[in-house]
Amino acid sequence: MQLSRRARAPGVKRRGFVQTGVEIVKRETPLGLYKGLGAVMTGIVPKMAIRFTSYEWYKQALASSSGEITSRATFLAGLAAGVTEAVAVVTPMEVIKIRLQAQHHSMADPLDIPKYRNAAHAMYTVVKEEGVVALYRGVSLTALRQGTNQAVNFTAYTEFKA
């Protein structure tokens, strides 16, 4: 649905979740529903490691001289951790995931060879053809999203834990 050209056409009714899935399965087999999953799975562990490690580092850096960590410090540490994970892992991972999802080939046709075979090959190809900077398209919006999400998540968890 995210990549649908149909959604951008004026006067055309948008497809829903189920219809989009049915179309993908018809064109590409059920495996088409999992395009880009390798990029996501590969990025989860480093993303979480960076998120929690950087959060703890920022939280300690923002603590008062007595070691107290205020709600404001928690919020800012979460914000900084989200931005850190966005720059280090999330943006490149999402660029690769979307490239894998967006390539037009049929998984049902063995003669239709995709440009990107998997997440590692997609990353190699993007860097080789477009440079490392291509992995960071959309980094500002991704950093804004991740930063605000983590600021709220860490603050809510800290403020409302039992």
Protein backbone atom coordinates (compact mmCIF):
# COMPACT_ATOMS: atom_id res chain seq x y z
CA MET A 1 0.00 0.00 0.00
CA GLN A 2 2.94 2.32 0.79
CA LEU A 3 4.35 1.91 -2.70
CA SER A 4 1.11 1.86 -4.65
CA ARG A 5 1.00 4.13 -7.68
CA ARG A 6 -2.76 3.64 -7.68
CA ALA A 7 -3.07 5.57 -4.41
CA ARG A 8 -1.56 8.65 -6.06
CA ALA A 9 -3.83 8.59 -9.13
CA PRO A 10 -6.66 11.14 -8.95
CA GLY A 11 -10.17 9.72 -8.81
CA VAL A 12 -9.05 6.11 -8.32
CA LYS A 13 -10.36 4.25 -5.29
CA ARG A 14 -7.56 3.10 -2.99
CA ARG A 15 -7.08 -0.59 -2.33
CA GLY A 16 -7.46 -1.78 1.22
CA PHE A 17 -5.14 -4.01 3.23
CA VAL A 18 -6.73 -7.32 2.20
CA GLN A 19 -7.03 -6.44 -1.51
CA THR A 20 -3.39 -5.30 -1.58
CA GLY A 21 -2.33 -8.62 -0.04
CA VAL A 22 -4.42 -10.59 -2.53
CA GLU A 23 -2.85 -8.68 -5.45
CA ILE A 24 0.68 -9.36 -4.16
CA VAL A 25 -0.03 -13.08 -3.72
CA LYS A 26 -1.53 -13.28 -7.24
CA ARG A 27 1.42 -11.53 -8.86
CA GLU A 28 4.28 -12.87 -6.77
CA THR A 29 3.12 -15.90 -4.71
CA PRO A 30 2.72 -15.75 -0.91
CA LEU A 31 6.48 -15.20 -0.56
CA GLY A 32 5.97 -11.73 -2.02
CA LEU A 33 4.37 -10.70 1.27
CA TYR A 34 7.77 -11.11 2.92
CA LYS A 35 9.89 -8.91 0.64
CA GLY A 36 12.15 -6.75 2.77
CA LEU A 37 11.80 -8.93 5.87
CA GLY A 38 15.50 -9.85 5.82
CA ALA A 39 16.48 -6.18 6.06
CA VAL A 40 14.17 -5.68 9.02
CA MET A 41 15.34 -8.83 10.82
CA THR A 42 18.99 -7.97 10.23
CA GLY A 43 18.48 -4.49 11.63
CA ILE A 44 16.48 -5.34 14.78
CA VAL A 45 19.36 -6.49 16.99
CA PRO A 46 21.73 -3.58 16.26
CA LYS A 47 18.83 -1.13 16.46
CA MET A 48 17.84 -2.30 19.94
CA ALA A 49 21.46 -2.48 21.11
CA ILE A 50 22.10 1.09 19.97
CA ARG A 51 18.78 2.34 21.37
CA PHE A 52 19.25 1.01 24.90
CA THR A 53 23.01 1.59 25.12
CA SER A 54 22.79 5.17 23.91
CA TYR A 55 19.75 5.84 26.11
CA GLU A 56 21.69 4.77 29.21
CA TRP A 57 24.70 6.84 28.15
CA TYR A 58 22.61 9.97 27.48
CA LYS A 59 20.63 9.46 30.70
CA GLN A 60 23.81 9.34 32.78
CA ALA A 61 25.23 12.36 30.95
CA LEU A 62 22.05 14.32 31.75
CA ALA A 63 21.85 13.26 35.41
CA SER A 64 22.32 15.89 38.10
CA SER A 65 25.52 16.03 40.13
CA SER A 66 23.76 13.96 42.83
CA GLY A 67 22.86 11.32 40.24
CA GLU A 68 19.17 12.23 40.05
CA ILE A 69 17.53 11.75 36.67
CA THR A 70 14.61 14.09 36.11
CA SER A 71 11.65 13.52 33.81
CA ARG A 72 13.15 16.12 31.49
CA ALA A 73 16.48 14.24 31.40
CA THR A 74 14.64 11.00 30.67
CA PHE A 75 12.72 12.65 27.83
CA LEU A 76 15.89 14.19 26.32
CA ALA A 77 17.83 10.92 26.68
CA GLY A 78 15.02 9.07 24.88
CA LEU A 79 14.94 11.72 22.17
CA ALA A 80 18.70 11.50 21.65
CA ALA A 81 18.63 7.67 21.69
CA GLY A 82 15.92 7.66 19.01
CA VAL A 83 17.91 10.05 16.82
CA THR A 84 21.04 7.93 17.34
CA GLU A 85 19.31 4.73 16.29
CA ALA A 86 17.74 6.48 13.30
CA VAL A 87 21.09 7.65 11.99
CA ALA A 88 23.08 4.52 12.84
CA VAL A 89 20.66 1.78 11.77
CA VAL A 90 17.01 2.61 11.06
CA THR A 91 17.39 4.88 8.03
CA PRO A 92 19.79 2.62 6.08
CA MET A 93 17.69 -0.41 7.04
CA GLU A 94 14.48 1.21 5.81
CA VAL A 95 16.07 2.34 2.55
CA ILE A 96 17.14 -1.26 1.87
CA LYS A 97 13.75 -2.67 2.95
CA ILE A 98 11.87 -0.31 0.66
CA ARG A 99 14.21 -1.02 -2.27
CA LEU A 100 13.56 -4.74 -1.84
CA GLN A 101 9.81 -4.18 -1.61
CA ALA A 102 9.67 -1.75 -4.53
CA GLN A 103 11.50 -3.79 -7.12
CA HIS A 104 9.12 -4.94 -9.80
CA HIS A 105 9.56 -8.62 -10.42
CA SER A 106 7.44 -11.70 -10.06
CA MET A 107 8.54 -14.27 -7.52
CA ALA A 108 6.28 -16.69 -9.39
CA ASP A 109 8.44 -16.48 -12.55
CA PRO A 110 11.87 -18.13 -12.08
CA LEU A 111 13.20 -16.32 -15.18
CA ASP A 112 12.36 -12.90 -13.74
CA ILE A 113 15.57 -12.12 -11.86
CA PRO A 114 15.33 -9.25 -9.35
CA LYS A 115 17.90 -6.46 -9.16
CA TYR A 116 18.41 -7.12 -5.44
CA ARG A 117 18.67 -10.74 -4.24
CA ASN A 118 18.58 -10.02 -0.50
CA ALA A 119 19.28 -7.26 2.03
CA ALA A 120 23.08 -7.60 1.89
CA HIS A 121 23.08 -7.58 -1.92
CA ALA A 122 20.74 -4.58 -1.96
CA MET A 123 23.02 -2.63 0.38
CA TYR A 124 26.10 -3.52 -1.67
CA THR A 125 24.37 -2.54 -4.93
CA VAL A 126 23.00 0.76 -3.59
CA VAL A 127 26.39 1.79 -2.18
CA LYS A 128 28.20 0.72 -5.36
CA GLU A 129 25.80 2.47 -7.74
CA GLU A 130 24.71 5.52 -5.73
CA GLY A 131 27.19 5.92 -2.89
CA VAL A 132 26.79 5.66 0.87
CA VAL A 133 24.75 8.87 0.95
CA ALA A 134 21.85 7.04 -0.75
CA LEU A 135 21.40 4.94 2.41
CA TYR A 136 20.51 8.12 4.28
CA ARG A 137 17.64 9.40 2.15
CA GLY A 138 14.95 10.59 4.51
CA VAL A 139 17.22 10.60 7.57
CA SER A 140 15.81 13.85 8.98
CA LEU A 141 12.21 12.62 9.04
CA THR A 142 13.25 9.20 10.30
CA ALA A 143 15.28 10.83 13.10
CA LEU A 144 12.30 13.02 14.00
CA ARG A 145 10.00 9.98 14.12
CA GLN A 146 12.39 7.74 16.07
CA GLY A 147 13.44 10.52 18.42
CA THR A 148 9.92 11.53 19.38
CA ASN A 149 8.80 7.90 19.67
CA GLN A 150 11.63 6.98 22.02
CA ALA A 151 11.32 10.19 24.05
CA VAL A 152 7.67 9.38 24.74
CA ASN A 153 8.30 5.64 25.24
CA PHE A 154 11.12 6.02 27.76
CA THR A 155 9.36 8.85 29.60
CA ALA A 156 6.08 6.94 29.81
CA TYR A 157 7.82 3.78 30.96
CA THR A 158 9.80 5.63 33.64
CA GLU A 159 6.88 7.74 34.86
CA PHE A 160 4.23 5.02 34.91
CA LYS A 161 6.14 1.90 35.95
CA ALA A 162 4.86 0.31 39.10
